[in-house]
């Protein structure tokens, strides 16, 4: 699958190619307990490892599990100009359909949209977005732990966007996992690699 070229040359020339533009945005949305905030931190840390400027901003609903959870990551090769709350985004990760409606119009035309097809319900405008469907919850369950879905999605995003490398994601994950969950590092490495290899 190849991205479409835009008149302003905002898109990459192909999936998995090296980061080219000065600033890229990612918005993630899902429900509490899906690992959305951890996924944002891993991608942000991966970009930091690779020497880029990064902004990350998370927001939560009133419930620890089941409520809305969103995060924003901006990656740049120079000082970031974007505000913490973005009006538009180049890419999005949709871990669940329940709270994604406010994000719908903020994704730019031809933006990259990764969808957790294991749980996502509803239609996406495939003429407007570059949609990549990945059953990450199902894949994570097959790996032995459905909570690994966010790490699988990080791997897919890293490869599909070309913004960060697999090695960067691995180090970003190690920096992001709290000490009391260090026993999960090996499983997270497997999940990241699995997602990376699944990317189109």
C-alpha atoms as a PDB file:
ATOM      1  CA  UNK A   1       0.000   0.000   0.000  1.00  0.00           C
ATOM      2  CA  UNK A   2       1.316   3.474  -0.887  1.00  0.00           C
ATOM      3  CA  UNK A   3       0.300   6.851   0.508  1.00  0.00           C
ATOM      4  CA  UNK A   4      -1.143   9.388  -1.905  1.00  0.00           C
ATOM      5  CA  UNK A   5       1.004  12.467  -2.594  1.00  0.00           C
ATOM      6  CA  UNK A   6      -0.650  15.702  -1.511  1.00  0.00           C
ATOM      7  CA  UNK A   7      -0.188  19.125  -3.091  1.00  0.00           C
ATOM      8  CA  UNK A   8       1.605  20.330   0.047  1.00  0.00           C
ATOM      9  CA  UNK A   9       3.789  17.198   0.138  1.00  0.00           C
ATOM     10  CA  UNK A  10       2.688  16.367   3.667  1.00  0.00           C
ATOM     11  CA  UNK A  11       2.655  12.620   3.130  1.00  0.00           C
ATOM     12  CA  UNK A  12       5.437  10.089   3.049  1.00  0.00           C
ATOM     13  CA  UNK A  13       6.121   8.572  -0.346  1.00  0.00           C
ATOM     14  CA  UNK A  14       5.448   5.064   0.947  1.00  0.00           C
ATOM     15  CA  UNK A  15       4.756   3.046   4.062  1.00  0.00           C
ATOM     16  CA  UNK A  16       7.847   2.216   6.077  1.00  0.00           C
ATOM     17  CA  UNK A  17      10.088   4.815   4.442  1.00  0.00           C
ATOM     18  CA  UNK A  18      12.391   6.998   6.516  1.00  0.00           C
ATOM     19  CA  UNK A  19      10.907  10.000   8.332  1.00  0.00           C
ATOM     20  CA  UNK A  20      11.141  12.964   5.964  1.00  0.00           C
ATOM     21  CA  UNK A  21       9.027  15.880   7.165  1.00  0.00           C
ATOM     22  CA  UNK A  22       9.922  18.206  10.027  1.00  0.00           C
ATOM     23  CA  UNK A  23       6.841  17.551  12.198  1.00  0.00           C
ATOM     24  CA  UNK A  24       4.337  14.678  12.414  1.00  0.00           C
ATOM     25  CA  UNK A  25       1.364  14.264  14.738  1.00  0.00           C
ATOM     26  CA  UNK A  26      -0.245  11.145  16.172  1.00  0.00           C
ATOM     27  CA  UNK A  27      -3.468  10.979  18.149  1.00  0.00           C
ATOM     28  CA  UNK A  28      -4.418   7.805  19.997  1.00  0.00           C
ATOM     29  CA  UNK A  29      -7.846   7.007  21.386  1.00  0.00           C
ATOM     30  CA  UNK A  30      -9.430   4.080  23.164  1.00  0.00           C
ATOM     31  CA  UNK A  31     -10.925   3.019  26.458  1.00  0.00           C
ATOM     32  CA  UNK A  32      -9.145   2.886  29.781  1.00  0.00           C
ATOM     33  CA  UNK A  33      -7.224  -0.344  30.275  1.00  0.00           C
ATOM     34  CA  UNK A  34      -6.207  -0.762  26.614  1.00  0.00           C
ATOM     35  CA  UNK A  35      -2.747   0.700  27.110  1.00  0.00           C
ATOM     36  CA  UNK A  36      -3.274   3.881  25.093  1.00  0.00           C
ATOM     37  CA  UNK A  37      -1.143   6.033  27.400  1.00  0.00           C
ATOM     38  CA  UNK A  38       1.655   3.460  27.508  1.00  0.00           C
ATOM     39  CA  UNK A  39       1.612   3.182  23.704  1.00  0.00           C
ATOM     40  CA  UNK A  40       1.977   6.958  23.407  1.00  0.00           C
ATOM     41  CA  UNK A  41       4.909   6.965  25.820  1.00  0.00           C
ATOM     42  CA  UNK A  42       6.642   4.110  24.001  1.00  0.00           C
ATOM     43  CA  UNK A  43       6.387   5.859  20.620  1.00  0.00           C
ATOM     44  CA  UNK A  44       7.481   9.173  22.163  1.00  0.00           C
ATOM     45  CA  UNK A  45      10.435   7.583  23.927  1.00  0.00           C
ATOM     46  CA  UNK A  46      11.418   5.751  20.737  1.00  0.00           C
ATOM     47  CA  UNK A  47      11.604   9.060  18.887  1.00  0.00           C
ATOM     48  CA  UNK A  48      13.638  10.569  21.738  1.00  0.00           C
ATOM     49  CA  UNK A  49      16.071   7.655  21.581  1.00  0.00           C
ATOM     50  CA  UNK A  50      16.552   8.415  17.896  1.00  0.00           C
ATOM     51  CA  UNK A  51      17.396  12.051  18.556  1.00  0.00           C
ATOM     52  CA  UNK A  52      14.130  13.791  17.702  1.00  0.00           C
ATOM     53  CA  UNK A  53      12.140  16.424  19.518  1.00  0.00           C
ATOM     54  CA  UNK A  54       8.953  15.031  21.082  1.00  0.00           C
ATOM     55  CA  UNK A  55       5.764  16.341  22.670  1.00  0.00           C
ATOM     56  CA  UNK A  56       3.407  13.927  24.438  1.00  0.00           C
ATOM     57  CA  UNK A  57       0.130  14.845  26.110  1.00  0.00           C
ATOM     58  CA  UNK A  58      -2.405  12.454  27.668  1.00  0.00           C
ATOM     59  CA  UNK A  59      -5.981  12.896  28.830  1.00  0.00           C
ATOM     60  CA  UNK A  60      -8.267  10.575  30.776  1.00  0.00           C
ATOM     61  CA  UNK A  61     -11.945  10.171  31.476  1.00  0.00           C
ATOM     62  CA  UNK A  62     -13.407   9.744  34.935  1.00  0.00           C
ATOM     63  CA  UNK A  63     -12.982   5.956  35.063  1.00  0.00           C
ATOM     64  CA  UNK A  64      -9.728   4.010  35.278  1.00  0.00           C
ATOM     65  CA  UNK A  65     -11.160   1.279  33.040  1.00  0.00           C
ATOM     66  CA  UNK A  66     -13.887   1.615  30.473  1.00  0.00           C
ATOM     67  CA  UNK A  67     -13.768   5.408  30.230  1.00  0.00           C
ATOM     68  CA  UNK A  68     -12.249   7.413  27.424  1.00  0.00           C
ATOM     69  CA  UNK A  69      -8.481   7.774  27.202  1.00  0.00           C
ATOM     70  CA  UNK A  70      -6.660   9.827  24.586  1.00  0.00           C
ATOM     71  CA  UNK A  71      -3.096  10.852  23.939  1.00  0.00           C
ATOM     72  CA  UNK A  72      -1.191  13.058  21.522  1.00  0.00           C
ATOM     73  CA  UNK A  73       2.378  12.612  20.283  1.00  0.00           C
ATOM     74  CA  UNK A  74       4.238  15.094  18.075  1.00  0.00           C
ATOM     75  CA  UNK A  75       7.599  14.083  16.592  1.00  0.00           C
ATOM     76  CA  UNK A  76       9.914  16.585  14.950  1.00  0.00           C
ATOM     77  CA  UNK A  77      13.485  16.947  13.764  1.00  0.00           C
ATOM     78  CA  UNK A  78      13.588  20.508  15.126  1.00  0.00           C
ATOM     79  CA  UNK A  79      11.954  22.442  17.998  1.00  0.00           C
ATOM     80  CA  UNK A  80       8.243  21.673  18.096  1.00  0.00           C
ATOM     81  CA  UNK A  81       5.802  24.407  17.184  1.00  0.00           C
ATOM     82  CA  UNK A  82       2.564  22.477  17.743  1.00  0.00           C
ATOM     83  CA  UNK A  83       0.483  23.192  20.878  1.00  0.00           C
ATOM     84  CA  UNK A  84      -0.264  20.318  23.319  1.00  0.00           C
ATOM     85  CA  UNK A  85      -3.885  20.155  22.138  1.00  0.00           C
ATOM     86  CA  UNK A  86      -3.908  19.706  18.373  1.00  0.00           C
ATOM     87  CA  UNK A  87      -6.599  20.834  15.982  1.00  0.00           C
ATOM     88  CA  UNK A  88      -5.436  18.366  13.314  1.00  0.00           C
ATOM     89  CA  UNK A  89      -3.306  15.245  13.054  1.00  0.00           C
ATOM     90  CA  UNK A  90      -1.325  13.410  10.390  1.00  0.00           C
ATOM     91  CA  UNK A  91      -2.042   9.984  11.895  1.00  0.00           C
ATOM     92  CA  UNK A  92      -4.272   8.232  14.410  1.00  0.00           C
ATOM     93  CA  UNK A  93      -4.472   4.966  16.315  1.00  0.00           C
ATOM     94  CA  UNK A  94      -8.012   3.799  17.097  1.00  0.00           C
ATOM     95  CA  UNK A  95      -7.949   1.095  19.760  1.00  0.00           C
ATOM     96  CA  UNK A  96     -11.749   1.221  20.229  1.00  0.00           C
ATOM     97  CA  UNK A  97     -14.700   2.856  18.495  1.00  0.00           C
ATOM     98  CA  UNK A  98     -16.518   4.124  21.569  1.00  0.00           C
ATOM     99  CA  UNK A  99     -14.836   7.521  21.960  1.00  0.00           C
ATOM    100  CA  UNK A 100     -13.289   8.166  18.574  1.00  0.00           C
ATOM    101  CA  UNK A 101     -15.995  10.442  17.117  1.00  0.00           C
ATOM    102  CA  UNK A 102     -14.399  13.715  18.358  1.00  0.00           C
ATOM    103  CA  UNK A 103     -11.218  12.710  16.535  1.00  0.00           C
ATOM    104  CA  UNK A 104     -12.907  11.971  13.211  1.00  0.00           C
ATOM    105  CA  UNK A 105     -12.682  15.438  11.689  1.00  0.00           C
ATOM    106  CA  UNK A 106      -9.231  16.187  13.095  1.00  0.00           C
ATOM    107  CA  UNK A 107      -7.495  13.613  10.892  1.00  0.00           C
ATOM    108  CA  UNK A 108      -6.093  15.268   7.798  1.00  0.00           C
ATOM    109  CA  UNK A 109      -7.054  14.071   4.337  1.00  0.00           C
ATOM    110  CA  UNK A 110      -5.008  10.986   3.401  1.00  0.00           C
ATOM    111  CA  UNK A 111      -3.954  10.651   7.036  1.00  0.00           C
ATOM    112  CA  UNK A 112      -2.698   7.297   8.284  1.00  0.00           C
ATOM    113  CA  UNK A 113      -5.321   5.593  10.491  1.00  0.00           C
ATOM    114  CA  UNK A 114      -4.532   2.339  12.309  1.00  0.00           C
ATOM    115  CA  UNK A 115      -7.585   0.470  13.580  1.00  0.00           C
ATOM    116  CA  UNK A 116      -7.867  -2.316  16.133  1.00  0.00           C
ATOM    117  CA  UNK A 117     -10.169  -4.419  13.991  1.00  0.00           C
ATOM    118  CA  UNK A 118     -10.645  -6.965  16.785  1.00  0.00           C
ATOM    119  CA  UNK A 119     -13.069  -4.619  18.538  1.00  0.00           C
ATOM    120  CA  UNK A 120     -13.650  -1.553  16.338  1.00  0.00           C
ATOM    121  CA  UNK A 121     -17.218  -1.222  15.061  1.00  0.00           C
ATOM    122  CA  UNK A 122     -18.358   1.222  12.422  1.00  0.00           C
ATOM    123  CA  UNK A 123     -17.248   2.488   9.049  1.00  0.00           C
ATOM    124  CA  UNK A 124     -14.235   4.585   8.193  1.00  0.00           C
ATOM    125  CA  UNK A 125     -13.968   6.862   5.177  1.00  0.00           C
ATOM    126  CA  UNK A 126     -11.407   4.928   3.147  1.00  0.00           C
ATOM    127  CA  UNK A 127     -11.501   7.527   0.406  1.00  0.00           C
ATOM    128  CA  UNK A 128     -10.328  10.129   2.895  1.00  0.00           C
ATOM    129  CA  UNK A 129      -7.955   8.142   5.133  1.00  0.00           C
ATOM    130  CA  UNK A 130      -5.189   5.612   4.566  1.00  0.00           C
ATOM    131  CA  UNK A 131      -6.691   2.850   6.754  1.00  0.00           C
ATOM    132  CA  UNK A 132      -4.677  -0.050   8.126  1.00  0.00           C
ATOM    133  CA  UNK A 133      -6.764  -2.631   9.988  1.00  0.00           C
ATOM    134  CA  UNK A 134      -4.966  -4.898  12.436  1.00  0.00           C
ATOM    135  CA  UNK A 135      -6.671  -7.324  14.852  1.00  0.00           C
ATOM    136  CA  UNK A 136      -4.254  -6.423  17.621  1.00  0.00           C
ATOM    137  CA  UNK A 137      -6.404  -7.630  20.522  1.00  0.00           C
ATOM    138  CA  UNK A 138      -6.758 -11.007  18.843  1.00  0.00           C
ATOM    139  CA  UNK A 139      -3.038 -11.145  18.092  1.00  0.00           C
ATOM    140  CA  UNK A 140      -2.196 -10.217  21.678  1.00  0.00           C
ATOM    141  CA  UNK A 141      -4.540 -12.913  22.965  1.00  0.00           C
ATOM    142  CA  UNK A 142      -2.755 -15.435  20.758  1.00  0.00           C
ATOM    143  CA  UNK A 143       0.524 -14.262  22.293  1.00  0.00           C
ATOM    144  CA  UNK A 144      -0.894 -15.106  25.712  1.00  0.00           C
ATOM    145  CA  UNK A 145      -2.035 -11.736  27.062  1.00  0.00           C
ATOM    146  CA  UNK A 146      -4.695  -9.451  25.521  1.00  0.00           C
ATOM    147  CA  UNK A 147      -3.119  -6.508  27.384  1.00  0.00           C
ATOM    148  CA  UNK A 148      -0.258  -6.667  24.873  1.00  0.00           C
ATOM    149  CA  UNK A 149      -2.531  -5.231  22.174  1.00  0.00           C
ATOM    150  CA  UNK A 150      -1.117  -1.724  22.541  1.00  0.00           C
ATOM    151  CA  UNK A 151       2.436  -3.011  22.087  1.00  0.00           C
ATOM    152  CA  UNK A 152       1.423  -4.912  18.961  1.00  0.00           C
ATOM    153  CA  UNK A 153      -0.116  -1.699  17.630  1.00  0.00           C
ATOM    154  CA  UNK A 154       3.054   0.262  18.431  1.00  0.00           C
ATOM    155  CA  UNK A 155       5.026  -2.162  16.301  1.00  0.00           C
ATOM    156  CA  UNK A 156       2.581  -1.828  13.416  1.00  0.00           C
ATOM    157  CA  UNK A 157       2.613   1.971  13.695  1.00  0.00           C
ATOM    158  CA  UNK A 158       6.381   2.231  13.796  1.00  0.00           C
ATOM    159  CA  UNK A 159       6.784   0.234  10.600  1.00  0.00           C
ATOM    160  CA  UNK A 160       3.769   1.638   8.761  1.00  0.00           C
ATOM    161  CA  UNK A 161       4.585   5.277   9.498  1.00  0.00           C
ATOM    162  CA  UNK A 162       8.342   5.075   9.134  1.00  0.00           C
ATOM    163  CA  UNK A 163       8.703   7.485  12.069  1.00  0.00           C
ATOM    164  CA  UNK A 164      10.600   5.194  14.450  1.00  0.00           C
ATOM    165  CA  UNK A 165      12.634   2.011  14.177  1.00  0.00           C
ATOM    166  CA  UNK A 166      11.969  -1.318  15.862  1.00  0.00           C
ATOM    167  CA  UNK A 167      15.119  -0.883  17.951  1.00  0.00           C
ATOM    168  CA  UNK A 168      13.882   2.550  18.990  1.00  0.00           C
ATOM    169  CA  UNK A 169      10.533   1.090  20.021  1.00  0.00           C
ATOM    170  CA  UNK A 170      12.262  -1.616  22.041  1.00  0.00           C
ATOM    171  CA  UNK A 171      14.308   0.935  23.975  1.00  0.00           C
ATOM    172  CA  UNK A 172      11.317   3.262  24.281  1.00  0.00           C
ATOM    173  CA  UNK A 173       9.307   0.412  25.799  1.00  0.00           C
ATOM    174  CA  UNK A 174      12.062  -0.429  28.293  1.00  0.00           C
ATOM    175  CA  UNK A 175      12.145   3.217  29.388  1.00  0.00           C
ATOM    176  CA  UNK A 176       8.348   3.383  29.685  1.00  0.00           C
ATOM    177  CA  UNK A 177       7.508   0.178  31.555  1.00  0.00           C
ATOM    178  CA  UNK A 178       7.458   0.865  35.318  1.00  0.00           C
ATOM    179  CA  UNK A 179       9.790  -1.247  37.492  1.00  0.00           C
ATOM    180  CA  UNK A 180       6.950  -3.199  39.044  1.00  0.00           C
ATOM    181  CA  UNK A 181       6.023  -4.475  35.584  1.00  0.00           C
ATOM    182  CA  UNK A 182       9.541  -5.286  34.431  1.00  0.00           C
ATOM    183  CA  UNK A 183       8.608  -8.977  34.190  1.00  0.00           C
ATOM    184  CA  UNK A 184       6.520  -8.029  31.122  1.00  0.00           C
ATOM    185  CA  UNK A 185       9.443  -6.597  29.138  1.00  0.00           C
ATOM    186  CA  UNK A 186      10.179  -9.820  27.275  1.00  0.00           C
ATOM    187  CA  UNK A 187       6.512 -10.276  26.321  1.00  0.00           C
ATOM    188  CA  UNK A 188       6.361  -6.644  25.188  1.00  0.00           C
ATOM    189  CA  UNK A 189       9.413  -7.201  22.981  1.00  0.00           C
ATOM    190  CA  UNK A 190       7.662 -10.126  21.318  1.00  0.00           C
ATOM    191  CA  UNK A 191       4.511  -8.031  20.840  1.00  0.00           C
ATOM    192  CA  UNK A 192       6.429  -5.133  19.279  1.00  0.00           C
ATOM    193  CA  UNK A 193       8.254  -7.458  16.904  1.00  0.00           C
ATOM    194  CA  UNK A 194       5.017  -9.205  15.973  1.00  0.00           C
ATOM    195  CA  UNK A 195       3.338  -5.895  15.172  1.00  0.00           C
ATOM    196  CA  UNK A 196       6.332  -4.671  13.192  1.00  0.00           C
ATOM    197  CA  UNK A 197       6.258  -7.797  11.048  1.00  0.00           C
ATOM    198  CA  UNK A 198       2.492  -7.524  10.500  1.00  0.00           C
ATOM    199  CA  UNK A 199       2.638  -4.002   9.080  1.00  0.00           C
ATOM    200  CA  UNK A 200       1.764  -3.700   5.366  1.00  0.00           C
END
